[in-house]
Each structure stands twice: as C-alpha cells, then as structure tokens.
Amino acid sequence: MKISEAKFAGSSTRTSGRPAVQLPEIAFIGRSNVGKSSLINMLVGNKKLAMTSSTPGKTKLVNHFQINGSWYIVDLPGYGYAKLPAPERKKLAEIVSDYLSNSEELKLLFVLIDCRHDLTGTDEEFLEEVYKSGLPFAIIFTKGDKMGPVARETQIEKIKRQFLERWTELPMLFVSSAQTGLGKDSILDYIEMILNPV
C-alpha cells in the first residue's frame, strides 16, 4: 500500500463525536512513551501529522486521520500513565473503552510494545482484555533500531513465550523503527490486506 494523502479529520472523546464520514478504521494504542505518534508519522510519511512529545500522556483524545480518502488511522490515548492523577487516568481509560466497545468501523487494533523492555503488568492486563474481547488485533514492537538484531530477537522471543502461556496462538507481530522505516512496508501491506480481504 502507498499512502498518497493523510490529513487530520477530527478529535473526540466519544464515538458519537467522530468524523461524520464513516470509513474503515485502523487504530493504534500503546503504553506511555512507546513511540505511537512517531510510528504513525513514519507510516504516512509526514513527521508532523500526529503530535509527538517526550511528555507521556500527550494524546488525550481519539484522533482520526483520513488516509487516501478511504480509511482512517485512529490515534488512541495510551494506557499506563503512572504519573497522571487517578481521575485523569480513569478518564483516559473510559475514552479508550468507549471507542473499542462502540466503533463499528474498527477493523484492526495495533497494540504497540517497546521491544527493549519486558511486558509490564499494565501491558499484560490490557492485552488480555483485548484478546478476550475478540477484537482483531496485531502487535507492533517499536524502537527496533535501539537494539542489535540478536538482542532484539532474543527479547521478542521471550515476550512471545509469555503470550503463549496465556493464548493458544499468536497474533500477527511486526518490528518497527520510526527512525529507519523498519517495518513500514510490511505493516502497510497488512493493513491493505485487512481493508481489502480477498
């Protein structure tokens, strides 16, 4: 898939406030500082499309970006912001829950995990909820350029074993780097397959 056009289409806190034009949606979520906005910008080829920040918790709304006039990338608030006050964490969790429960246009949820670190309890809890919900999802390991290939593969294999302790099969897995473009083509090709199944 080639992305020729990507434009901001609106922000909301509830599915009722989404853009009026309904199109298939591919959503992205991850823990604080996982590199979500940078990954989205890398996929669309525009470093300024999604707001990036070194401050965790910057995304506090559901942001829709219209792609090629035919589908949306949805940038969701993340999870696991330990430094945010409890009421604010609860509010963000409610925004995410409302979207995941009520968006009939959601075709795939990408859950992002920093490949350098072990899964946290928050990661495990969120992934378990997604798995049990039956939502179609895939996992993207971010910041793949920050480790050597052997160390990276060892870490990813460790996490895969953790998944298989709970699940009968693995979802699709990708390794990415917003800096080098690693994973861009394979992720976009997978999105195209999801949007246009044979």
N, C-alpha and C. Protein backbone atom coordinates (compact mmCIF):
# COMPACT_ATOMS: atom_id res chain seq x y z
N MET A 1 0.84 -1.20 0.00
CA MET A 1 0.00 0.00 0.00
C MET A 1 0.87 1.25 0.00
N LYS A 2 0.47 2.22 -0.80
CA LYS A 2 1.13 3.52 -0.80
C LYS A 2 0.17 4.57 -0.24
N ILE A 3 0.66 5.38 0.67
CA ILE A 3 -0.17 6.45 1.22
C ILE A 3 0.18 7.75 0.50
N SER A 4 -0.80 8.28 -0.23
CA SER A 4 -0.57 9.50 -1.00
C SER A 4 -1.17 10.72 -0.33
N GLU A 5 -2.12 10.49 0.59
CA GLU A 5 -2.75 11.61 1.28
C GLU A 5 -3.09 11.21 2.71
N ALA A 6 -2.72 12.05 3.66
CA ALA A 6 -3.05 11.83 5.07
C ALA A 6 -3.37 13.18 5.68
N LYS A 7 -4.57 13.31 6.21
CA LYS A 7 -4.95 14.60 6.79
C LYS A 7 -5.75 14.41 8.07
N PHE A 8 -5.58 15.34 8.99
CA PHE A 8 -6.31 15.31 10.25
C PHE A 8 -7.79 15.49 9.98
N ALA A 9 -8.62 14.62 10.59
CA ALA A 9 -10.06 14.67 10.31
C ALA A 9 -10.89 15.01 11.53
N GLY A 10 -10.29 15.02 12.72
CA GLY A 10 -11.06 15.40 13.89
C GLY A 10 -10.64 14.66 15.15
N SER A 11 -11.00 15.23 16.31
CA SER A 11 -10.74 14.63 17.61
C SER A 11 -12.05 14.47 18.36
N SER A 12 -12.10 13.49 19.24
CA SER A 12 -13.32 13.27 20.02
C SER A 12 -12.99 12.53 21.30
N THR A 13 -13.93 12.54 22.22
CA THR A 13 -13.81 11.75 23.44
C THR A 13 -14.81 10.60 23.46
N ARG A 14 -15.76 10.61 22.54
CA ARG A 14 -16.76 9.56 22.45
C ARG A 14 -16.99 9.22 20.98
N THR A 15 -17.42 7.99 20.72
CA THR A 15 -17.63 7.58 19.34
C THR A 15 -18.69 8.44 18.66
N SER A 16 -19.60 8.98 19.44
CA SER A 16 -20.65 9.84 18.86
C SER A 16 -20.07 11.13 18.29
N GLY A 17 -18.85 11.48 18.68
CA GLY A 17 -18.23 12.71 18.20
C GLY A 17 -17.22 12.51 17.09
N ARG A 18 -17.17 11.31 16.54
CA ARG A 18 -16.21 11.03 15.46
C ARG A 18 -16.57 11.78 14.18
N PRO A 19 -15.66 11.82 13.20
CA PRO A 19 -15.97 12.47 11.93
C PRO A 19 -17.26 11.92 11.32
N ALA A 20 -18.02 12.80 10.68
CA ALA A 20 -19.32 12.41 10.13
C ALA A 20 -19.18 11.35 9.03
N VAL A 21 -18.10 11.44 8.27
CA VAL A 21 -17.88 10.47 7.20
C VAL A 21 -17.35 9.18 7.81
N GLN A 22 -18.12 8.12 7.69
CA GLN A 22 -17.73 6.84 8.26
C GLN A 22 -16.92 6.03 7.26
N LEU A 23 -15.73 5.64 7.71
CA LEU A 23 -14.82 4.85 6.88
C LEU A 23 -14.19 3.77 7.76
N PRO A 24 -13.62 2.74 7.16
CA PRO A 24 -12.93 1.72 7.96
C PRO A 24 -11.81 2.36 8.79
N GLU A 25 -11.61 1.81 10.00
CA GLU A 25 -10.65 2.40 10.93
C GLU A 25 -9.59 1.38 11.35
N ILE A 26 -8.35 1.83 11.35
CA ILE A 26 -7.22 1.06 11.87
C ILE A 26 -6.67 1.87 13.05
N ALA A 27 -6.76 1.32 14.25
CA ALA A 27 -6.40 2.07 15.45
C ALA A 27 -5.05 1.64 16.02
N PHE A 28 -4.41 2.59 16.70
CA PHE A 28 -3.10 2.36 17.31
C PHE A 28 -3.16 2.76 18.77
N ILE A 29 -2.62 1.89 19.64
CA ILE A 29 -2.57 2.19 21.06
C ILE A 29 -1.30 1.59 21.66
N GLY A 30 -0.84 2.15 22.74
CA GLY A 30 0.34 1.61 23.41
C GLY A 30 0.54 2.29 24.75
N ARG A 31 1.49 1.77 25.49
CA ARG A 31 1.78 2.35 26.79
C ARG A 31 2.51 3.67 26.62
N SER A 32 2.57 4.43 27.68
CA SER A 32 3.22 5.73 27.69
C SER A 32 4.61 5.69 27.06
N ASN A 33 4.85 6.63 26.14
CA ASN A 33 6.18 6.81 25.54
C ASN A 33 6.65 5.63 24.69
N VAL A 34 5.70 4.90 24.10
CA VAL A 34 6.08 3.75 23.28
C VAL A 34 6.47 4.14 21.86
N GLY A 35 6.19 5.39 21.49
CA GLY A 35 6.54 5.86 20.15
C GLY A 35 5.40 5.76 19.16
N LYS A 36 4.17 5.87 19.66
CA LYS A 36 2.98 5.69 18.82
C LYS A 36 2.86 6.76 17.74
N SER A 37 2.94 8.02 18.16
CA SER A 37 2.79 9.11 17.17
C SER A 37 3.92 9.08 16.14
N SER A 38 5.12 8.79 16.59
CA SER A 38 6.25 8.70 15.67
C SER A 38 6.05 7.59 14.65
N LEU A 39 5.49 6.46 15.10
CA LEU A 39 5.22 5.36 14.19
C LEU A 39 4.17 5.75 13.15
N ILE A 40 3.09 6.39 13.60
CA ILE A 40 2.05 6.83 12.67
C ILE A 40 2.64 7.79 11.64
N ASN A 41 3.44 8.73 12.08
CA ASN A 41 4.06 9.68 11.16
C ASN A 41 4.97 8.99 10.16
N MET A 42 5.68 7.96 10.61
CA MET A 42 6.55 7.20 9.71
C MET A 42 5.73 6.47 8.66
N LEU A 43 4.62 5.88 9.07
CA LEU A 43 3.78 5.11 8.13
C LEU A 43 3.20 6.00 7.04
N VAL A 44 2.81 7.22 7.41
CA VAL A 44 2.17 8.11 6.42
C VAL A 44 3.18 9.00 5.70
N GLY A 45 4.44 9.00 6.16
CA GLY A 45 5.46 9.83 5.51
C GLY A 45 5.33 11.30 5.80
N ASN A 46 4.84 11.63 6.99
CA ASN A 46 4.68 13.03 7.39
C ASN A 46 5.03 13.16 8.87
N LYS A 47 6.18 13.75 9.16
CA LYS A 47 6.67 13.82 10.54
C LYS A 47 5.83 14.72 11.43
N LYS A 48 4.94 15.50 10.83
CA LYS A 48 4.17 16.46 11.63
C LYS A 48 2.68 16.12 11.71
N LEU A 49 2.27 14.96 11.20
CA LEU A 49 0.84 14.64 11.20
C LEU A 49 0.32 14.41 12.61
N ALA A 50 0.87 13.43 13.30
CA ALA A 50 0.47 13.13 14.67
C ALA A 50 1.42 13.84 15.63
N MET A 51 0.87 14.43 16.67
CA MET A 51 1.69 15.19 17.61
C MET A 51 2.60 14.26 18.40
N THR A 52 3.90 14.53 18.34
CA THR A 52 4.85 13.75 19.12
C THR A 52 5.36 14.59 20.28
N SER A 53 5.69 13.92 21.36
CA SER A 53 6.15 14.63 22.54
C SER A 53 6.95 13.70 23.42
N SER A 54 7.94 14.25 24.12
CA SER A 54 8.68 13.45 25.10
C SER A 54 7.91 13.37 26.41
N THR A 55 6.81 14.13 26.50
CA THR A 55 5.99 14.11 27.70
C THR A 55 4.93 13.03 27.58
N PRO A 56 4.98 12.01 28.45
CA PRO A 56 3.97 10.94 28.38
C PRO A 56 2.56 11.50 28.58
N GLY A 57 1.60 10.88 27.88
CA GLY A 57 0.21 11.26 28.08
C GLY A 57 -0.25 12.42 27.23
N LYS A 58 0.49 12.73 26.16
CA LYS A 58 0.14 13.87 25.33
C LYS A 58 -1.16 13.65 24.56
N THR A 59 -1.39 12.41 24.11
CA THR A 59 -2.61 12.11 23.39
C THR A 59 -3.73 11.86 24.39
N LYS A 60 -4.69 12.78 24.44
CA LYS A 60 -5.78 12.65 25.41
C LYS A 60 -7.15 12.60 24.74
N LEU A 61 -7.12 12.52 23.42
CA LEU A 61 -8.35 12.43 22.64
C LEU A 61 -8.20 11.29 21.63
N VAL A 62 -9.31 10.88 21.05
CA VAL A 62 -9.28 9.94 19.93
C VAL A 62 -9.11 10.78 18.67
N ASN A 63 -7.96 10.65 18.01
CA ASN A 63 -7.65 11.46 16.83
C ASN A 63 -7.80 10.63 15.55
N HIS A 64 -8.60 11.14 14.63
CA HIS A 64 -8.80 10.48 13.34
C HIS A 64 -7.99 11.18 12.26
N PHE A 65 -7.28 10.39 11.46
CA PHE A 65 -6.55 10.90 10.30
C PHE A 65 -7.07 10.16 9.07
N GLN A 66 -7.59 10.91 8.11
CA GLN A 66 -8.13 10.28 6.90
C GLN A 66 -7.00 9.96 5.93
N ILE A 67 -6.96 8.72 5.49
CA ILE A 67 -5.87 8.23 4.65
C ILE A 67 -6.40 7.90 3.25
N ASN A 68 -5.78 8.52 2.26
CA ASN A 68 -6.15 8.28 0.85
C ASN A 68 -7.65 8.44 0.61
N GLY A 69 -8.32 9.22 1.45
CA GLY A 69 -9.75 9.46 1.29
C GLY A 69 -10.63 8.24 1.50
N SER A 70 -10.04 7.12 1.99
CA SER A 70 -10.83 5.89 2.02
C SER A 70 -10.83 5.15 3.36
N TRP A 71 -9.94 5.54 4.29
CA TRP A 71 -9.94 4.89 5.61
C TRP A 71 -9.27 5.82 6.62
N TYR A 72 -9.40 5.47 7.90
CA TYR A 72 -8.82 6.29 8.95
C TYR A 72 -7.74 5.54 9.73
N ILE A 73 -6.67 6.26 10.04
CA ILE A 73 -5.79 5.86 11.13
C ILE A 73 -6.35 6.54 12.38
N VAL A 74 -6.53 5.78 13.45
CA VAL A 74 -7.06 6.32 14.69
C VAL A 74 -5.98 6.24 15.76
N ASP A 75 -5.60 7.40 16.26
CA ASP A 75 -4.57 7.52 17.29
C ASP A 75 -5.27 7.60 18.65
N LEU A 76 -5.17 6.53 19.43
CA LEU A 76 -5.88 6.45 20.71
C LEU A 76 -5.00 6.91 21.87
N PRO A 77 -5.62 7.46 22.92
CA PRO A 77 -4.85 7.72 24.15
C PRO A 77 -4.23 6.41 24.63
N GLY A 78 -3.06 6.50 25.19
CA GLY A 78 -2.39 5.29 25.65
C GLY A 78 -2.88 4.84 27.01
N TYR A 79 -2.17 3.88 27.55
CA TYR A 79 -2.51 3.38 28.88
C TYR A 79 -1.22 3.33 29.72
N GLY A 80 -1.38 3.28 31.02
CA GLY A 80 -0.23 3.13 31.90
C GLY A 80 0.49 4.40 32.27
N TYR A 81 -0.22 5.52 32.27
CA TYR A 81 0.41 6.79 32.66
C TYR A 81 0.44 6.89 34.19
N ALA A 82 1.44 6.31 34.79
CA ALA A 82 1.50 6.26 36.25
C ALA A 82 1.58 7.64 36.89
N LYS A 83 2.14 8.61 36.15
CA LYS A 83 2.35 9.94 36.73
C LYS A 83 1.10 10.82 36.66
N LEU A 84 0.09 10.39 35.93
CA LEU A 84 -1.13 11.20 35.86
C LEU A 84 -1.98 10.97 37.11
N PRO A 85 -2.71 11.97 37.54
CA PRO A 85 -3.63 11.80 38.67
C PRO A 85 -4.66 10.71 38.34
N ALA A 86 -5.10 10.00 39.37
CA ALA A 86 -6.04 8.89 39.18
C ALA A 86 -7.30 9.28 38.40
N PRO A 87 -7.92 10.44 38.68
CA PRO A 87 -9.12 10.80 37.91
C PRO A 87 -8.84 10.96 36.42
N GLU A 88 -7.65 11.47 36.09
CA GLU A 88 -7.30 11.65 34.67
C GLU A 88 -7.02 10.31 34.01
N ARG A 89 -6.36 9.41 34.73
CA ARG A 89 -6.14 8.06 34.20
C ARG A 89 -7.47 7.37 33.93
N LYS A 90 -8.41 7.53 34.86
CA LYS A 90 -9.73 6.92 34.70
C LYS A 90 -10.44 7.49 33.49
N LYS A 91 -10.34 8.80 33.29
CA LYS A 91 -10.99 9.45 32.16
C LYS A 91 -10.44 8.92 30.84
N LEU A 92 -9.11 8.79 30.74
CA LEU A 92 -8.50 8.28 29.51
C LEU A 92 -8.92 6.84 29.26
N ALA A 93 -8.98 6.04 30.33
CA ALA A 93 -9.39 4.64 30.20
C ALA A 93 -10.83 4.55 29.68
N GLU A 94 -11.68 5.46 30.14
CA GLU A 94 -13.08 5.47 29.70
C GLU A 94 -13.18 5.85 28.22
N ILE A 95 -12.33 6.80 27.79
CA ILE A 95 -12.34 7.21 26.38
C ILE A 95 -11.94 6.03 25.49
N VAL A 96 -10.89 5.32 25.89
CA VAL A 96 -10.43 4.17 25.11
C VAL A 96 -11.48 3.07 25.11
N SER A 97 -12.05 2.78 26.27
CA SER A 97 -13.05 1.73 26.38
C SER A 97 -14.27 2.02 25.52
N ASP A 98 -14.71 3.28 25.53
CA ASP A 98 -15.86 3.66 24.71
C ASP A 98 -15.56 3.41 23.24
N TYR A 99 -14.36 3.80 22.79
CA TYR A 99 -14.02 3.62 21.38
C TYR A 99 -13.97 2.13 21.02
N LEU A 100 -13.25 1.34 21.81
CA LEU A 100 -13.07 -0.07 21.48
C LEU A 100 -14.40 -0.83 21.55
N SER A 101 -15.30 -0.40 22.41
CA SER A 101 -16.58 -1.09 22.57
C SER A 101 -17.60 -0.69 21.51
N ASN A 102 -17.50 0.55 21.03
CA ASN A 102 -18.59 1.09 20.22
C ASN A 102 -18.26 1.43 18.78
N SER A 103 -17.01 1.38 18.39
CA SER A 103 -16.69 1.71 16.99
C SER A 103 -16.98 0.52 16.09
N GLU A 104 -18.04 0.63 15.32
CA GLU A 104 -18.39 -0.46 14.40
C GLU A 104 -17.49 -0.47 13.17
N GLU A 105 -16.74 0.61 12.97
CA GLU A 105 -15.87 0.70 11.80
C GLU A 105 -14.45 0.17 12.09
N LEU A 106 -14.15 -0.15 13.34
CA LEU A 106 -12.81 -0.62 13.70
C LEU A 106 -12.53 -1.97 13.05
N LYS A 107 -11.51 -2.02 12.21
CA LYS A 107 -11.15 -3.25 11.52
C LYS A 107 -9.95 -3.95 12.16
N LEU A 108 -9.08 -3.17 12.83
CA LEU A 108 -7.88 -3.75 13.43
C LEU A 108 -7.32 -2.79 14.46
N LEU A 109 -6.88 -3.36 15.59
CA LEU A 109 -6.20 -2.58 16.62
C LEU A 109 -4.74 -3.01 16.67
N PHE A 110 -3.83 -2.08 16.45
CA PHE A 110 -2.41 -2.34 16.64
C PHE A 110 -2.05 -1.96 18.07
N VAL A 111 -1.51 -2.93 18.82
CA VAL A 111 -1.01 -2.66 20.17
C VAL A 111 0.51 -2.57 20.08
N LEU A 112 1.05 -1.43 20.52
CA LEU A 112 2.49 -1.18 20.39
C LEU A 112 3.22 -1.51 21.69
N ILE A 113 4.37 -2.17 21.52
CA ILE A 113 5.20 -2.55 22.66
C ILE A 113 6.64 -2.17 22.35
N ASP A 114 7.30 -1.49 23.28
CA ASP A 114 8.71 -1.13 23.13
C ASP A 114 9.53 -2.41 23.22
N CYS A 115 10.23 -2.75 22.14
CA CYS A 115 10.94 -4.04 22.08
C CYS A 115 12.09 -4.14 23.07
N ARG A 116 12.49 -3.03 23.66
CA ARG A 116 13.63 -3.04 24.58
C ARG A 116 13.26 -3.52 25.98
N HIS A 117 11.96 -3.54 26.28
CA HIS A 117 11.55 -3.78 27.67
C HIS A 117 10.65 -5.01 27.79
N ASP A 118 10.66 -5.59 28.99
CA ASP A 118 9.74 -6.67 29.28
C ASP A 118 8.32 -6.13 29.36
N LEU A 119 7.35 -7.02 29.21
CA LEU A 119 5.96 -6.62 29.39
C LEU A 119 5.74 -6.18 30.83
N THR A 120 4.96 -5.12 30.99
CA THR A 120 4.57 -4.71 32.34
C THR A 120 3.22 -5.34 32.67
N GLY A 121 2.85 -5.25 33.93
CA GLY A 121 1.54 -5.74 34.33
C GLY A 121 0.43 -5.02 33.58
N THR A 122 0.64 -3.74 33.30
CA THR A 122 -0.35 -2.95 32.56
C THR A 122 -0.49 -3.47 31.14
N ASP A 123 0.64 -3.79 30.49
CA ASP A 123 0.60 -4.37 29.14
C ASP A 123 -0.20 -5.67 29.15
N GLU A 124 0.13 -6.53 30.10
CA GLU A 124 -0.50 -7.84 30.15
C GLU A 124 -2.00 -7.72 30.38
N GLU A 125 -2.37 -6.81 31.28
CA GLU A 125 -3.79 -6.62 31.59
C GLU A 125 -4.55 -6.11 30.37
N PHE A 126 -3.98 -5.11 29.68
CA PHE A 126 -4.66 -4.56 28.51
C PHE A 126 -4.77 -5.60 27.40
N LEU A 127 -3.67 -6.30 27.12
CA LEU A 127 -3.68 -7.29 26.05
C LEU A 127 -4.65 -8.43 26.35
N GLU A 128 -4.74 -8.81 27.61
CA GLU A 128 -5.67 -9.87 27.98
C GLU A 128 -7.11 -9.45 27.73
N GLU A 129 -7.41 -8.19 28.04
CA GLU A 129 -8.76 -7.67 27.79
C GLU A 129 -9.07 -7.67 26.29
N VAL A 130 -8.10 -7.23 25.50
CA VAL A 130 -8.30 -7.20 24.04
C VAL A 130 -8.50 -8.62 23.50
N TYR A 131 -7.66 -9.53 23.96
CA TYR A 131 -7.74 -10.92 23.50
C TYR A 131 -9.10 -11.53 23.82
N LYS A 132 -9.57 -11.31 25.05
CA LYS A 132 -10.85 -11.89 25.47
C LYS A 132 -12.04 -11.22 24.78
N SER A 133 -11.86 -9.98 24.36
CA SER A 133 -12.95 -9.24 23.72
C SER A 133 -13.26 -9.75 22.32
N GLY A 134 -12.27 -10.41 21.72
CA GLY A 134 -12.45 -10.89 20.35
C GLY A 134 -12.14 -9.85 19.29
N LEU A 135 -11.67 -8.67 19.70
CA LEU A 135 -11.30 -7.64 18.72
C LEU A 135 -10.12 -8.12 17.88
N PRO A 136 -10.15 -7.87 16.58
CA PRO A 136 -8.98 -8.20 15.76
C PRO A 136 -7.81 -7.29 16.13
N PHE A 137 -6.67 -7.87 16.46
CA PHE A 137 -5.53 -7.04 16.84
C PHE A 137 -4.23 -7.67 16.38
N ALA A 138 -3.22 -6.82 16.29
CA ALA A 138 -1.86 -7.24 15.97
C ALA A 138 -0.92 -6.46 16.87
N ILE A 139 0.31 -6.91 16.96
CA ILE A 139 1.29 -6.27 17.85
C ILE A 139 2.45 -5.72 17.03
N ILE A 140 2.83 -4.49 17.33
CA ILE A 140 4.00 -3.89 16.71
C ILE A 140 5.04 -3.62 17.80
N PHE A 141 6.21 -4.21 17.64
CA PHE A 141 7.34 -3.91 18.53
C PHE A 141 8.03 -2.66 18.00
N THR A 142 8.02 -1.60 18.78
CA THR A 142 8.59 -0.32 18.34
C THR A 142 10.05 -0.18 18.76
N LYS A 143 10.69 0.85 18.21
CA LYS A 143 12.07 1.22 18.54
C LYS A 143 13.04 0.08 18.25
N GLY A 144 12.79 -0.58 17.12
CA GLY A 144 13.61 -1.72 16.74
C GLY A 144 15.04 -1.38 16.40
N ASP A 145 15.32 -0.08 16.18
CA ASP A 145 16.68 0.34 15.86
C ASP A 145 17.53 0.52 17.12
N LYS A 146 16.90 0.43 18.29
CA LYS A 146 17.60 0.72 19.54
C LYS A 146 18.34 -0.49 20.10
N MET A 147 18.20 -1.64 19.44
CA MET A 147 18.88 -2.86 19.87
C MET A 147 19.52 -3.54 18.68
N GLY A 148 20.56 -4.30 18.94
CA GLY A 148 21.15 -5.11 17.89
C GLY A 148 20.18 -6.22 17.51
N PRO A 149 20.30 -6.76 16.30
CA PRO A 149 19.34 -7.75 15.83
C PRO A 149 19.25 -9.00 16.70
N VAL A 150 20.37 -9.46 17.23
CA VAL A 150 20.35 -10.68 18.06
C VAL A 150 19.66 -10.41 19.38
N ALA A 151 20.03 -9.31 20.04
CA ALA A 151 19.41 -8.96 21.32
C ALA A 151 17.91 -8.69 21.14
N ARG A 152 17.58 -8.05 20.04
CA ARG A 152 16.17 -7.74 19.77
C ARG A 152 15.36 -9.02 19.58
N GLU A 153 15.88 -9.94 18.80
CA GLU A 153 15.18 -11.19 18.54
C GLU A 153 15.03 -12.01 19.83
N THR A 154 16.06 -12.00 20.65
CA THR A 154 16.01 -12.72 21.93
C THR A 154 14.91 -12.15 22.82
N GLN A 155 14.81 -10.82 22.88
CA GLN A 155 13.80 -10.17 23.71
C GLN A 155 12.39 -10.46 23.18
N ILE A 156 12.23 -10.38 21.87
CA ILE A 156 10.91 -10.62 21.29
C ILE A 156 10.48 -12.07 21.50
N GLU A 157 11.42 -13.00 21.37
CA GLU A 157 11.09 -14.41 21.60
C GLU A 157 10.65 -14.62 23.05
N LYS A 158 11.27 -13.91 23.97
CA LYS A 158 10.89 -14.00 25.38
C LYS A 158 9.44 -13.55 25.57
N ILE A 159 9.09 -12.44 24.93
CA ILE A 159 7.73 -11.92 25.06
C ILE A 159 6.72 -12.85 24.39
N LYS A 160 7.10 -13.42 23.26
CA LYS A 160 6.21 -14.36 22.57
C LYS A 160 5.90 -15.57 23.45
N ARG A 161 6.91 -16.04 24.18
CA ARG A 161 6.67 -17.17 25.09
C ARG A 161 5.69 -16.79 26.18
N GLN A 162 5.78 -15.54 26.66
CA GLN A 162 4.83 -15.06 27.66
C GLN A 162 3.41 -15.07 27.10
N PHE A 163 3.26 -14.65 25.86
CA PHE A 163 1.94 -14.65 25.23
C PHE A 163 1.38 -16.07 25.16
N LEU A 164 2.23 -17.01 24.75
CA LEU A 164 1.76 -18.37 24.53
C LEU A 164 1.45 -19.11 25.83
N GLU A 165 1.86 -18.54 26.95
CA GLU A 165 1.47 -19.10 28.24
C GLU A 165 -0.02 -18.86 28.50
N ARG A 166 -0.58 -17.84 27.82
CA ARG A 166 -1.98 -17.47 28.04
C ARG A 166 -2.86 -17.76 26.83
N TRP A 167 -2.28 -17.63 25.64
CA TRP A 167 -3.07 -17.70 24.42
C TRP A 167 -2.73 -18.96 23.64
N THR A 168 -3.71 -19.42 22.86
CA THR A 168 -3.48 -20.62 22.07
C THR A 168 -2.70 -20.33 20.79
N GLU A 169 -2.76 -19.09 20.33
CA GLU A 169 -1.99 -18.72 19.14
C GLU A 169 -1.59 -17.25 19.21
N LEU A 170 -0.56 -16.90 18.48
CA LEU A 170 -0.07 -15.53 18.48
C LEU A 170 -0.78 -14.70 17.43
N PRO A 171 -0.99 -13.42 17.71
CA PRO A 171 -1.48 -12.51 16.67
C PRO A 171 -0.34 -12.22 15.70
N MET A 172 -0.62 -11.46 14.66
CA MET A 172 0.45 -11.01 13.77
C MET A 172 1.39 -10.11 14.56
N LEU A 173 2.69 -10.27 14.30
CA LEU A 173 3.72 -9.50 15.01
C LEU A 173 4.59 -8.76 14.00
N PHE A 174 4.91 -7.50 14.30
CA PHE A 174 5.76 -6.69 13.44
C PHE A 174 6.82 -6.01 14.29
N VAL A 175 7.97 -5.76 13.67
CA VAL A 175 9.03 -4.99 14.32
C VAL A 175 9.20 -3.70 13.53
N SER A 176 9.25 -2.58 14.22
CA SER A 176 9.30 -1.29 13.52
C SER A 176 10.36 -0.37 14.10
N SER A 177 10.69 0.64 13.32
CA SER A 177 11.52 1.76 13.79
C SER A 177 11.07 3.01 13.06
N ALA A 178 10.64 3.99 13.83
CA ALA A 178 10.24 5.26 13.22
C ALA A 178 11.44 5.99 12.64
N GLN A 179 12.63 5.68 13.14
CA GLN A 179 13.84 6.36 12.68
C GLN A 179 14.34 5.82 11.35
N THR A 180 14.29 4.51 11.17
CA THR A 180 14.87 3.90 9.96
C THR A 180 13.82 3.47 8.95
N GLY A 181 12.54 3.44 9.38
CA GLY A 181 11.50 2.97 8.47
C GLY A 181 11.30 1.47 8.51
N LEU A 182 12.02 0.79 9.40
CA LEU A 182 11.87 -0.65 9.55
C LEU A 182 10.41 -1.02 9.78
N GLY A 183 9.93 -1.97 9.04
CA GLY A 183 8.57 -2.48 9.23
C GLY A 183 7.49 -1.74 8.46
N LYS A 184 7.81 -0.60 7.86
CA LYS A 184 6.79 0.21 7.22
C LYS A 184 6.03 -0.55 6.14
N ASP A 185 6.74 -1.16 5.22
CA ASP A 185 6.07 -1.83 4.10
C ASP A 185 5.23 -3.00 4.57
N SER A 186 5.76 -3.79 5.50
CA SER A 186 5.02 -4.98 5.94
C SER A 186 3.76 -4.58 6.72
N ILE A 187 3.84 -3.51 7.52
CA ILE A 187 2.67 -3.05 8.27
C ILE A 187 1.60 -2.52 7.31
N LEU A 188 2.02 -1.70 6.33
CA LEU A 188 1.06 -1.15 5.37
C LEU A 188 0.45 -2.24 4.50
N ASP A 189 1.25 -3.23 4.13
CA ASP A 189 0.71 -4.34 3.34
C ASP A 189 -0.33 -5.12 4.13
N TYR A 190 -0.09 -5.28 5.44
CA TYR A 190 -1.04 -5.99 6.28
C TYR A 190 -2.34 -5.20 6.42
N ILE A 191 -2.21 -3.88 6.58
CA ILE A 191 -3.40 -3.03 6.65
C ILE A 191 -4.20 -3.17 5.37
N GLU A 192 -3.52 -3.16 4.23
CA GLU A 192 -4.22 -3.29 2.95
C GLU A 192 -4.97 -4.62 2.86
N MET A 193 -4.35 -5.67 3.38
CA MET A 193 -5.00 -6.98 3.37
C MET A 193 -6.25 -6.99 4.26
N ILE A 194 -6.16 -6.29 5.41
CA ILE A 194 -7.30 -6.23 6.33
C ILE A 194 -8.44 -5.42 5.70
N LEU A 195 -8.08 -4.32 5.04
CA LEU A 195 -9.11 -3.46 4.45
C LEU A 195 -9.70 -4.05 3.17
N ASN A 196 -8.91 -4.87 2.47
CA ASN A 196 -9.38 -5.43 1.21
C ASN A 196 -9.15 -6.94 1.18
N PRO A 197 -9.89 -7.67 2.02
CA PRO A 197 -9.70 -9.12 2.06
C PRO A 197 -10.12 -9.75 0.74
N VAL A 198 -9.42 -10.78 0.39
CA VAL A 198 -9.70 -11.48 -0.88
C VAL A 198 -11.00 -12.26 -0.75
